Amino acid sequence: MWLSTALLQVPRHTTLGSGFDRRAWSGLVLSNWVRTAAWSARGVLVLWMVARALG
């Protein structure tokens, strides 16, 4: 998640900071799905660990 942010999102945000760039915007939207999936998987894992610890 952190590598995705540093290597994929930050450069695209930097590009978009200079003005709209369709390619950077499209890459940002697409690469955000990587983070969404990773954070979701982490959440499921945490819930599973908590349930296991309490059960």
C-alpha atoms as a PDB file:
ATOM      1  CA  MET A   1       0.000   0.000   0.000  1.00  0.00           C
ATOM      2  CA  TRP A   2       2.751   2.401   0.940  1.00  0.00           C
ATOM      3  CA  LEU A   3       4.841   1.500  -2.108  1.00  0.00           C
ATOM      4  CA  SER A   4       1.819   1.944  -4.341  1.00  0.00           C
ATOM      5  CA  THR A   5       1.305   5.397  -2.876  1.00  0.00           C
ATOM      6  CA  ALA A   6       4.941   6.412  -3.244  1.00  0.00           C
ATOM      7  CA  LEU A   7       5.594   4.873  -6.645  1.00  0.00           C
ATOM      8  CA  LEU A   8       2.260   5.180  -8.415  1.00  0.00           C
ATOM      9  CA  GLN A   9       0.059   7.881  -6.885  1.00  0.00           C
ATOM     10  CA  VAL A  10       2.566  10.574  -5.879  1.00  0.00           C
ATOM     11  CA  PRO A  11       4.093  11.004  -9.364  1.00  0.00           C
ATOM     12  CA  ARG A  12       0.629  11.250 -10.927  1.00  0.00           C
ATOM     13  CA  HIS A  13      -0.506  13.794  -8.353  1.00  0.00           C
ATOM     14  CA  THR A  14       2.640  15.788  -9.077  1.00  0.00           C
ATOM     15  CA  THR A  15       1.844  15.762 -12.782  1.00  0.00           C
ATOM     16  CA  LEU A  16      -1.749  16.782 -12.113  1.00  0.00           C
ATOM     17  CA  GLY A  17      -0.511  19.610  -9.880  1.00  0.00           C
ATOM     18  CA  SER A  18       0.722  21.345 -13.019  1.00  0.00           C
ATOM     19  CA  GLY A  19      -2.645  21.033 -14.746  1.00  0.00           C
ATOM     20  CA  PHE A  20      -5.006  18.383 -15.977  1.00  0.00           C
ATOM     21  CA  ASP A  21      -3.374  15.526 -17.827  1.00  0.00           C
ATOM     22  CA  ARG A  22      -5.769  12.820 -18.990  1.00  0.00           C
ATOM     23  CA  ARG A  23      -3.114  10.104 -18.958  1.00  0.00           C
ATOM     24  CA  ALA A  24      -2.000  10.947 -15.391  1.00  0.00           C
ATOM     25  CA  TRP A  25      -5.622  11.135 -14.247  1.00  0.00           C
ATOM     26  CA  SER A  26      -6.476   7.801 -15.837  1.00  0.00           C
ATOM     27  CA  GLY A  27      -3.387   6.181 -14.310  1.00  0.00           C
ATOM     28  CA  LEU A  28      -4.269   7.619 -10.914  1.00  0.00           C
ATOM     29  CA  VAL A  29      -7.802   6.243 -11.018  1.00  0.00           C
ATOM     30  CA  LEU A  30      -6.574   2.828 -12.139  1.00  0.00           C
ATOM     31  CA  SER A  31      -3.746   2.641  -9.619  1.00  0.00           C
ATOM     32  CA  ASN A  32      -6.081   3.684  -6.794  1.00  0.00           C
ATOM     33  CA  TRP A  33      -7.823   0.338  -7.266  1.00  0.00           C
ATOM     34  CA  VAL A  34      -4.561  -1.330  -6.215  1.00  0.00           C
ATOM     35  CA  ARG A  35      -4.712   0.560  -2.915  1.00  0.00           C
ATOM     36  CA  THR A  36      -8.423  -0.078  -2.517  1.00  0.00           C
ATOM     37  CA  ALA A  37      -7.920  -3.819  -2.904  1.00  0.00           C
ATOM     38  CA  ALA A  38      -4.905  -3.846  -0.573  1.00  0.00           C
ATOM     39  CA  TRP A  39      -6.654  -1.860   2.189  1.00  0.00           C
ATOM     40  CA  SER A  40      -9.760  -4.028   1.842  1.00  0.00           C
ATOM     41  CA  ALA A  41      -7.709  -7.210   2.124  1.00  0.00           C
ATOM     42  CA  ARG A  42      -5.961  -5.774   5.172  1.00  0.00           C
ATOM     43  CA  GLY A  43      -9.313  -4.973   6.766  1.00  0.00           C
ATOM     44  CA  VAL A  44     -10.594  -8.503   6.212  1.00  0.00           C
ATOM     45  CA  LEU A  45      -7.378  -9.907   7.670  1.00  0.00           C
ATOM     46  CA  VAL A  46      -7.639  -7.689  10.761  1.00  0.00           C
ATOM     47  CA  LEU A  47     -11.270  -8.678  11.307  1.00  0.00           C
ATOM     48  CA  TRP A  48     -10.348 -12.338  10.958  1.00  0.00           C
ATOM     49  CA  MET A  49      -7.511 -11.959  13.486  1.00  0.00           C
ATOM     50  CA  VAL A  50      -9.763 -10.153  15.980  1.00  0.00           C
ATOM     51  CA  ALA A  51     -12.505 -12.779  15.605  1.00  0.00           C
ATOM     52  CA  ARG A  52      -9.968 -15.535  16.108  1.00  0.00           C
ATOM     53  CA  ALA A  53      -8.474 -13.831  19.188  1.00  0.00           C
ATOM     54  CA  LEU A  54     -11.900 -13.330  20.757  1.00  0.00           C
ATOM     55  CA  GLY A  55     -13.296 -16.737  19.796  1.00  0.00           C
END
